[in-house]
Amino acid sequence: MVRITGARRLRSAAASLGAAALLATMAACGDGADTAAAPGPVNDAYTQQAATLVEAGTDGLLFFEGNEADLTLDKIKVYQDWSGPTESVKPVPGAKLDIIVCRIGTSCEEVGKKAQSIAQSLGWTANIHDGQGSPEGFQKAFATAAANRPSAVITVAIPENQVADGIAELQKQNIPVVGVSAIDEGGAVGYDANVSSRETFQAVLEVAKAVADSKGTAKAVFLWDVGYPHLVEALEASKRVLAGCTGCQLLEVRERTLTQAVDPIEMQNITTSLLQKHGNDLQYIFTPYGNGVESIIAALKAAGREDVKVLSKNAEPERLGSVATGDQFADFGAVRGWNAYAAIDQVVRLLAGQQPLPDAEQGIPATIFVKDNAPADGVVDWDSYVDYAQRYEQMWRAAS
């Protein structure tokens, strides 16, 4: 079980971030004398900025405000105080909740089970349905939910465009639908509310870690799933951040699906093909989630290329254990469980006839795991970072 040391460490990280930012500014702009200093390489300040963020995020939490799609390194700050909502409404009694997860056996299921537990603590009933990782499975699960006639539905990592008919059918029955890890796609039919799992934020931190580690010379491949709009958003923001590193190189974006990711042979074949194509140029592999990473690492070991550094996100226990042993380079996690509370809070608001919170106001921070701080058993005491559960439960009690 891993813990941070509290507010003192966060303040120290904040001070470090501020000092490094000042040094970077002085390096870029000179020391204030009348005669301007000759500028250094353009990449130096950017690399220092990435390194400073990585150091602070490894010691504690990082945070940003605004739209994730527009995220850049300069918008990331050190988390110092509660960043989530401070007021809510009274939960309605006896609600019935259906939760549709992208696929059983993934981190989607973990979020779904957490939301189920929170709902039950409110005296609600809650059922979980398996989306089976495919549009057909999603649609089947939506049909089951519609037949159940719940008070509300929560989905986890299911794109709006693949279930628009199912959302419309539920909304005809006045059943609100909240999408976790699913962005507003701007279509004619969409979720009534969204909850970010900070997937874009975590992906940007993957790139920042590689930029810092390589001292601004990273050569990388995105081995990415583009079947989900929130992961496409994460990819585009991450590519933009990597492009800001003038000494870095994007070798390729190799697309793969969730179905391929959970197939060990498929993932090993893809990894082998990347090694054959890019040879010694390949230094870093960025991935969108933990599924398939073990197979990537196995293929690298088989090829004698353990120098290639693999990064993933979502802080899944198996991946954190791999980071602790040194098999995986790094992993990144938004505070786990917070998104489940945020999803239930959106349902609470909608069932009370209130407006949901904008996605950007849910305030979930993120952290960085490396070999020195990743727990060998994969178990993280997220409450030692911030007691989000107490905050939400206090809000709901105060509204009662």
Protein backbone atom coordinates (compact mmCIF):
# COMPACT_ATOMS: atom_id res chain seq x y z
CA MET A 1 0.00 0.00 0.00
CA VAL A 2 1.46 3.38 -1.00
CA ARG A 3 0.87 6.70 0.70
CA ILE A 4 2.02 10.29 0.41
CA THR A 5 3.08 12.33 3.41
CA GLY A 6 0.32 14.91 3.18
CA ALA A 7 0.11 18.65 2.73
CA ARG A 8 3.80 19.27 3.51
CA ARG A 9 4.90 17.23 0.50
CA LEU A 10 2.36 18.97 -1.76
CA ARG A 11 3.59 22.39 -0.60
CA SER A 12 7.17 21.31 -1.22
CA ALA A 13 6.26 20.14 -4.72
CA ALA A 14 4.49 23.43 -5.37
CA ALA A 15 7.54 25.36 -4.28
CA SER A 16 9.72 23.19 -6.51
CA LEU A 17 7.41 23.77 -9.45
CA GLY A 18 7.44 27.51 -8.93
CA ALA A 19 11.22 27.68 -8.59
CA ALA A 20 11.82 25.58 -11.67
CA ALA A 21 9.36 27.63 -13.68
CA LEU A 22 11.25 30.78 -12.65
CA LEU A 23 14.58 29.24 -13.66
CA ALA A 24 13.14 28.18 -17.01
CA THR A 25 11.82 31.70 -17.58
CA MET A 26 15.20 33.23 -16.69
CA ALA A 27 16.95 30.80 -19.03
CA ALA A 28 14.61 31.72 -21.86
CA CYS A 29 14.45 35.48 -21.24
CA GLY A 30 17.76 36.43 -19.67
CA ASP A 31 18.62 37.70 -16.18
CA GLY A 32 16.97 41.11 -16.48
CA ALA A 33 20.13 43.01 -17.49
CA ASP A 34 20.04 45.59 -20.26
CA THR A 35 22.07 43.31 -22.53
CA ALA A 36 19.94 40.30 -23.48
CA ALA A 37 21.54 36.91 -22.96
CA ALA A 38 21.93 34.68 -25.98
CA PRO A 39 18.99 32.28 -26.09
CA GLY A 40 19.67 28.60 -25.38
CA PRO A 41 18.23 25.72 -27.36
CA VAL A 42 14.47 26.03 -27.71
CA ASN A 43 13.96 22.59 -26.24
CA ASP A 44 15.65 23.31 -22.89
CA ALA A 45 12.83 25.21 -21.18
CA TYR A 46 10.19 22.74 -22.42
CA THR A 47 12.17 19.76 -21.19
CA GLN A 48 12.71 21.45 -17.81
CA GLN A 49 8.99 22.19 -17.57
CA ALA A 50 8.18 18.53 -18.23
CA ALA A 51 10.80 17.37 -15.71
CA THR A 52 9.46 19.68 -13.01
CA LEU A 53 5.89 18.48 -13.52
CA VAL A 54 6.99 14.85 -13.45
CA GLU A 55 8.89 15.36 -10.20
CA ALA A 56 5.89 17.07 -8.57
CA GLY A 57 3.46 14.45 -9.91
CA THR A 58 5.60 11.60 -8.62
CA ASP A 59 5.71 13.14 -5.14
CA GLY A 60 2.04 14.07 -5.02
CA LEU A 61 -0.86 15.11 -7.25
CA LEU A 62 -1.21 17.29 -10.32
CA PHE A 63 -4.33 19.18 -11.38
CA PHE A 64 -5.65 21.45 -14.09
CA GLU A 65 -8.79 23.45 -14.75
CA GLY A 66 -10.57 23.74 -18.06
CA ASN A 67 -11.15 21.61 -21.12
CA GLU A 68 -8.98 18.48 -21.35
CA ALA A 69 -8.98 18.65 -25.14
CA ASP A 70 -6.99 21.91 -24.92
CA LEU A 71 -4.55 20.67 -22.29
CA THR A 72 -0.91 21.75 -22.53
CA LEU A 73 1.95 21.41 -20.05
CA ASP A 74 1.73 25.03 -18.91
CA LYS A 75 -1.87 24.51 -17.72
CA ILE A 76 -0.91 21.76 -15.26
CA LYS A 77 -0.53 22.77 -11.60
CA VAL A 78 0.33 21.09 -8.32
CA TYR A 79 -2.81 20.01 -6.43
CA GLN A 80 -3.02 21.68 -3.01
CA ASP A 81 -6.64 21.76 -1.90
CA TRP A 82 -10.03 20.17 -2.62
CA SER A 83 -10.82 20.76 -6.28
CA GLY A 84 -14.21 19.06 -6.55
CA PRO A 85 -17.74 20.35 -5.93
CA THR A 86 -18.72 21.75 -2.55
CA GLU A 87 -22.52 21.69 -2.83
CA SER A 88 -25.01 19.13 -4.11
CA VAL A 89 -28.61 18.11 -3.50
CA LYS A 90 -30.40 15.48 -1.41
CA PRO A 91 -30.33 11.98 -2.96
CA VAL A 92 -33.82 10.73 -3.75
CA PRO A 93 -34.79 7.62 -1.78
CA GLY A 94 -35.17 4.17 -3.32
CA ALA A 95 -33.63 4.86 -6.72
CA LYS A 96 -32.87 1.97 -9.07
CA LEU A 97 -29.64 2.21 -11.05
CA ASP A 98 -28.37 0.22 -14.03
CA ILE A 99 -24.63 0.42 -14.77
CA ILE A 100 -23.27 -0.61 -18.18
CA VAL A 101 -19.50 -1.17 -18.27
CA CYS A 102 -17.45 -1.37 -21.46
CA ARG A 103 -16.24 -4.88 -20.70
CA ILE A 104 -16.11 -7.11 -17.63
CA GLY A 105 -12.53 -7.78 -16.59
CA THR A 106 -11.26 -4.28 -17.39
CA SER A 107 -10.91 -1.10 -15.32
CA CYS A 108 -14.43 -0.26 -16.55
CA GLU A 109 -15.75 -3.00 -14.29
CA GLU A 110 -13.88 -1.58 -11.32
CA VAL A 111 -15.52 1.82 -11.82
CA GLY A 112 -18.90 0.13 -12.23
CA LYS A 113 -18.52 -1.86 -9.04
CA LYS A 114 -17.48 1.24 -7.13
CA ALA A 115 -20.54 3.12 -8.39
CA GLN A 116 -22.70 0.14 -7.45
CA SER A 117 -21.30 0.16 -3.91
CA ILE A 118 -21.89 3.90 -3.52
CA ALA A 119 -25.47 3.55 -4.80
CA GLN A 120 -26.17 0.77 -2.33
CA SER A 121 -24.81 2.91 0.52
CA LEU A 122 -27.49 5.45 -0.42
CA GLY A 123 -30.16 2.76 -0.11
CA TRP A 124 -30.47 2.34 -3.88
CA THR A 125 -30.40 -0.86 -5.89
CA ALA A 126 -27.83 -1.16 -8.65
CA ASN A 127 -27.16 -3.76 -11.36
CA ILE A 128 -24.08 -4.08 -13.60
CA HIS A 129 -24.31 -5.11 -17.26
CA ASP A 130 -21.43 -6.23 -19.47
CA GLY A 131 -21.03 -4.23 -22.69
CA GLN A 132 -18.71 -6.98 -23.99
CA GLY A 133 -16.35 -4.47 -25.57
CA SER A 134 -18.29 -4.11 -28.83
CA PRO A 135 -21.06 -1.91 -30.30
CA GLU A 136 -23.33 -4.96 -30.47
CA GLY A 137 -22.68 -5.71 -26.81
CA PHE A 138 -23.29 -2.09 -25.84
CA GLN A 139 -26.62 -2.04 -27.68
CA LYS A 140 -27.72 -5.32 -26.08
CA ALA A 141 -26.90 -3.97 -22.62
CA PHE A 142 -28.86 -0.78 -23.34
CA ALA A 143 -31.86 -2.85 -24.42
CA THR A 144 -31.68 -4.79 -21.15
CA ALA A 145 -31.50 -1.55 -19.18
CA ALA A 146 -34.49 -0.10 -21.02
CA ALA A 147 -36.51 -3.20 -20.21
CA ASN A 148 -35.56 -2.87 -16.52
CA ARG A 149 -36.89 0.71 -16.41
CA PRO A 150 -34.37 1.98 -13.83
CA SER A 151 -34.37 5.47 -12.34
CA ALA A 152 -31.09 6.23 -14.14
CA VAL A 153 -28.29 4.60 -16.11
CA ILE A 154 -24.51 5.04 -15.81
CA THR A 155 -22.20 3.88 -18.58
CA VAL A 156 -18.43 3.44 -18.34
CA ALA A 157 -16.23 4.04 -21.45
CA ILE A 158 -19.02 3.66 -23.99
CA PRO A 159 -19.04 6.23 -26.84
CA GLU A 160 -22.25 8.17 -27.47
CA ASN A 161 -22.17 7.51 -31.20
CA GLN A 162 -22.31 3.74 -30.70
CA VAL A 163 -25.40 3.82 -28.46
CA ALA A 164 -27.33 6.88 -29.64
CA ASP A 165 -30.51 4.85 -30.22
CA GLY A 166 -30.25 3.30 -26.77
CA ILE A 167 -29.75 6.69 -25.14
CA ALA A 168 -32.73 8.10 -27.04
CA GLU A 169 -34.94 5.21 -25.93
CA LEU A 170 -34.04 5.71 -22.28
CA GLN A 171 -34.56 9.46 -22.52
CA LYS A 172 -38.04 8.85 -23.99
CA GLN A 173 -38.79 7.07 -20.73
CA ASN A 174 -37.38 10.05 -18.76
CA ILE A 175 -34.45 7.94 -17.63
CA PRO A 176 -31.28 10.08 -17.44
CA VAL A 177 -28.02 8.58 -18.69
CA VAL A 178 -24.58 9.55 -17.33
CA GLY A 179 -21.45 8.68 -19.32
CA VAL A 180 -18.19 8.06 -17.45
CA SER A 181 -15.02 8.21 -19.58
CA ALA A 182 -17.08 9.37 -22.53
CA ILE A 183 -16.86 12.86 -23.97
CA ASP A 184 -19.69 14.99 -25.34
CA GLU A 185 -19.50 14.25 -29.07
CA GLY A 186 -21.89 17.04 -30.07
CA GLY A 187 -24.37 14.75 -31.78
CA ALA A 188 -28.14 15.08 -31.91
CA VAL A 189 -28.43 12.54 -29.08
CA GLY A 190 -26.00 12.43 -26.18
CA TYR A 191 -25.56 11.67 -22.52
CA ASP A 192 -27.42 13.83 -20.04
CA ALA A 193 -24.18 14.30 -18.11
CA ASN A 194 -20.55 13.29 -18.42
CA VAL A 195 -17.80 12.43 -15.96
CA SER A 196 -14.16 12.60 -16.92
CA SER A 197 -11.72 9.92 -15.78
CA ARG A 198 -8.91 12.30 -16.79
CA GLU A 199 -7.81 10.01 -19.61
CA THR A 200 -6.47 12.91 -21.67
CA PHE A 201 -4.66 14.33 -18.66
CA GLN A 202 -3.01 10.98 -17.93
CA ALA A 203 -2.00 10.54 -21.57
CA VAL A 204 -0.35 13.96 -21.59
CA LEU A 205 1.56 12.97 -18.46
CA GLU A 206 2.81 9.85 -20.27
CA VAL A 207 4.41 12.10 -22.85
CA ALA A 208 5.76 14.51 -20.23
CA LYS A 209 7.48 11.59 -18.49
CA ALA A 210 9.17 10.48 -21.72
CA VAL A 211 10.24 14.03 -22.58
CA ALA A 212 11.77 14.45 -19.12
CA ASP A 213 13.38 11.02 -19.02
CA SER A 214 14.98 11.43 -22.45
CA LYS A 215 16.04 15.02 -21.75
CA GLY A 216 14.09 16.13 -24.77
CA THR A 217 15.13 13.45 -27.27
CA ALA A 218 12.35 10.84 -27.01
CA LYS A 219 11.51 8.70 -30.04
CA ALA A 220 8.12 7.16 -29.48
CA VAL A 221 5.22 5.14 -30.82
CA PHE A 222 1.61 5.52 -29.75
CA LEU A 223 0.16 1.98 -29.70
CA TRP A 224 -3.34 3.32 -29.36
CA ASP A 225 -7.03 2.48 -29.39
CA VAL A 226 -8.91 4.99 -31.57
CA GLY A 227 -12.29 3.30 -31.20
CA TYR A 228 -13.31 5.59 -28.36
CA PRO A 229 -13.70 9.36 -28.79
CA HIS A 230 -12.22 10.12 -25.36
CA LEU A 231 -9.10 8.13 -26.32
CA VAL A 232 -8.91 9.96 -29.65
CA GLU A 233 -9.02 13.23 -27.72
CA ALA A 234 -6.25 11.92 -25.46
CA LEU A 235 -4.15 10.92 -28.47
CA GLU A 236 -4.47 14.30 -30.17
CA ALA A 237 -3.57 16.24 -27.02
CA SER A 238 -0.60 13.95 -26.36
CA LYS A 239 0.70 14.25 -29.92
CA ARG A 240 0.52 18.03 -29.57
CA VAL A 241 2.51 17.92 -26.33
CA LEU A 242 5.12 15.64 -27.90
CA ALA A 243 5.38 18.00 -30.88
CA GLY A 244 6.26 20.77 -28.43
CA CYS A 245 9.48 18.89 -27.71
CA THR A 246 11.57 19.93 -30.70
CA GLY A 247 14.17 17.22 -30.12
CA CYS A 248 11.60 14.44 -29.83
CA GLN A 249 10.23 12.30 -32.65
CA LEU A 250 6.87 10.63 -33.20
CA LEU A 251 7.77 7.45 -35.06
CA GLU A 252 4.24 6.17 -35.62
CA VAL A 253 0.68 5.95 -34.34
CA ARG A 254 -0.16 2.25 -34.54
CA GLU A 255 -3.88 1.66 -34.12
CA ARG A 256 -5.32 -1.35 -32.32
CA THR A 257 -8.66 -2.28 -30.77
CA LEU A 258 -9.64 -3.41 -27.29
CA THR A 259 -10.28 -6.88 -28.70
CA GLN A 260 -6.73 -6.97 -30.04
CA ALA A 261 -5.36 -5.63 -26.75
CA VAL A 262 -6.75 -8.56 -24.76
CA ASP A 263 -5.34 -11.09 -27.26
CA PRO A 264 -1.77 -11.89 -26.12
CA ILE A 265 -0.62 -13.32 -29.45
CA GLU A 266 -2.01 -10.36 -31.40
CA MET A 267 -0.28 -7.86 -29.13
CA GLN A 268 3.03 -9.68 -29.26
CA ASN A 269 2.83 -9.77 -33.06
CA ILE A 270 2.09 -6.04 -33.23
CA THR A 271 4.99 -5.27 -30.90
CA THR A 272 7.35 -7.45 -32.94
CA SER A 273 6.33 -5.63 -36.11
CA LEU A 274 7.07 -2.29 -34.47
CA LEU A 275 10.53 -3.47 -33.49
CA GLN A 276 11.20 -4.72 -37.01
CA LYS A 277 10.04 -1.44 -38.53
CA HIS A 278 11.76 1.04 -36.22
CA GLY A 279 14.72 -0.92 -34.85
CA ASN A 280 16.89 0.92 -32.34
CA ASP A 281 15.02 4.18 -32.95
CA LEU A 282 12.14 2.86 -30.86
CA GLN A 283 12.62 4.09 -27.28
CA TYR A 284 9.13 4.58 -25.80
CA ILE A 285 5.72 2.97 -26.34
CA PHE A 286 2.66 4.91 -25.13
CA THR A 287 -0.51 2.90 -24.49
CA PRO A 288 -4.09 4.04 -23.72
CA TYR A 289 -4.84 1.58 -20.90
CA GLY A 290 -3.40 -1.44 -19.13
CA ASN A 291 -4.91 -4.16 -21.29
CA GLY A 292 -2.27 -5.76 -23.49
CA VAL A 293 0.73 -4.18 -21.81
CA GLU A 294 1.91 -7.47 -20.35
CA SER A 295 2.03 -8.93 -23.87
CA ILE A 296 3.97 -5.91 -25.15
CA ILE A 297 6.55 -6.39 -22.40
CA ALA A 298 6.79 -10.12 -23.14
CA ALA A 299 7.50 -9.41 -26.82
CA LEU A 300 10.17 -6.85 -25.93
CA LYS A 301 11.87 -9.32 -23.60
CA ALA A 302 11.76 -12.06 -26.23
CA ALA A 303 13.46 -9.71 -28.69
CA GLY A 304 16.09 -8.63 -26.20
CA ARG A 305 14.76 -5.07 -26.27
CA GLU A 306 14.14 -4.40 -22.59
CA ASP A 307 15.59 -0.94 -23.22
CA VAL A 308 12.26 0.08 -24.79
CA LYS A 309 10.19 1.82 -22.11
CA VAL A 310 6.47 1.08 -21.92
CA LEU A 311 4.03 3.55 -20.37
CA SER A 312 0.34 3.00 -19.62
CA LYS A 313 -2.35 4.75 -17.62
CA ASN A 314 -5.35 4.22 -15.31
CA ALA A 315 -3.21 2.81 -12.44
CA GLU A 316 -4.55 -0.72 -12.73
CA PRO A 317 -3.14 -2.97 -9.96
CA GLU A 318 -1.42 -5.40 -12.35
CA ARG A 319 0.32 -2.57 -14.12
CA LEU A 320 1.48 -0.95 -10.90
CA GLY A 321 2.98 -4.26 -9.82
CA SER A 322 4.84 -4.41 -13.13
CA VAL A 323 6.15 -0.88 -12.61
CA ALA A 324 7.35 -1.84 -9.12
CA THR A 325 9.41 -4.73 -10.55
CA GLY A 326 10.88 -2.53 -13.28
CA ASP A 327 9.28 -4.44 -16.16
CA GLN A 328 7.16 -1.42 -17.04
CA PHE A 329 8.60 2.08 -17.03
CA ALA A 330 5.72 4.12 -15.61
CA ASP A 331 1.98 4.29 -15.08
CA PHE A 332 -0.37 7.21 -14.47
CA GLY A 333 -3.59 7.42 -12.54
CA ALA A 334 -6.35 9.88 -11.82
CA VAL A 335 -7.43 9.34 -8.22
CA ARG A 336 -9.32 6.07 -8.56
CA GLY A 337 -12.89 5.91 -7.31
CA TRP A 338 -13.42 9.67 -7.51
CA ASN A 339 -15.03 9.28 -10.95
CA ALA A 340 -17.53 6.78 -9.51
CA TYR A 341 -18.56 9.26 -6.81
CA ALA A 342 -18.77 12.01 -9.43
CA ALA A 343 -21.04 9.80 -11.56
CA ILE A 344 -23.38 9.07 -8.65
CA ASP A 345 -23.43 12.80 -7.84
CA GLN A 346 -24.50 13.55 -11.42
CA VAL A 347 -27.33 11.03 -11.02
CA VAL A 348 -28.29 12.60 -7.68
CA ARG A 349 -28.56 16.00 -9.34
CA LEU A 350 -30.47 14.77 -12.38
CA LEU A 351 -33.00 12.77 -10.34
CA ALA A 352 -33.63 15.89 -8.25
CA GLY A 353 -34.38 17.86 -11.41
CA GLN A 354 -31.16 19.86 -11.18
CA GLN A 355 -28.54 20.62 -13.82
CA PRO A 356 -25.50 18.32 -13.82
CA LEU A 357 -22.01 19.65 -13.26
CA PRO A 358 -19.91 20.50 -16.30
CA ASP A 359 -17.21 17.92 -16.85
CA ALA A 360 -14.46 20.46 -16.16
CA GLU A 361 -15.77 21.18 -12.63
CA GLN A 362 -15.41 17.67 -11.22
CA GLY A 363 -11.82 18.38 -10.23
CA ILE A 364 -10.14 14.94 -10.34
CA PRO A 365 -6.33 15.16 -9.95
CA ALA A 366 -3.74 12.64 -11.16
CA THR A 367 -0.41 11.18 -10.09
CA ILE A 368 2.60 9.36 -11.53
CA PHE A 369 3.92 5.92 -10.57
CA VAL A 370 7.51 4.83 -11.20
CA LYS A 371 9.59 1.99 -9.78
CA ASP A 372 10.42 3.89 -6.59
CA ASN A 373 6.83 4.63 -5.57
CA ALA A 374 4.66 1.95 -7.23
CA PRO A 375 3.23 -0.60 -4.76
CA ALA A 376 4.38 -4.17 -5.48
CA ASP A 377 0.89 -5.52 -4.73
CA GLY A 378 -0.77 -2.85 -6.88
CA VAL A 379 -2.83 -1.59 -3.93
CA VAL A 380 -2.91 2.19 -3.57
CA ASP A 381 -4.51 3.95 -0.61
CA TRP A 382 -6.11 6.71 -2.63
CA ASP A 383 -7.64 8.19 0.54
CA SER A 384 -4.11 9.10 1.64
CA TYR A 385 -3.97 11.48 -1.33
CA VAL A 386 -7.41 13.01 -0.79
CA ASP A 387 -10.54 11.76 0.99
CA TYR A 388 -12.94 12.35 -1.89
CA ALA A 389 -15.51 9.90 -0.46
CA GLN A 390 -15.88 11.92 2.72
CA ARG A 391 -16.30 15.11 0.68
CA TYR A 392 -19.13 13.74 -1.46
CA GLU A 393 -20.91 12.03 1.42
CA GLN A 394 -20.68 15.22 3.48
CA MET A 395 -22.24 17.19 0.60
CA TRP A 396 -25.15 14.78 0.34
CA ARG A 397 -25.72 14.80 4.12
CA ALA A 398 -25.61 18.59 4.22
CA ALA A 399 -28.31 18.73 1.57
CA SER A 400 -30.60 16.33 3.44
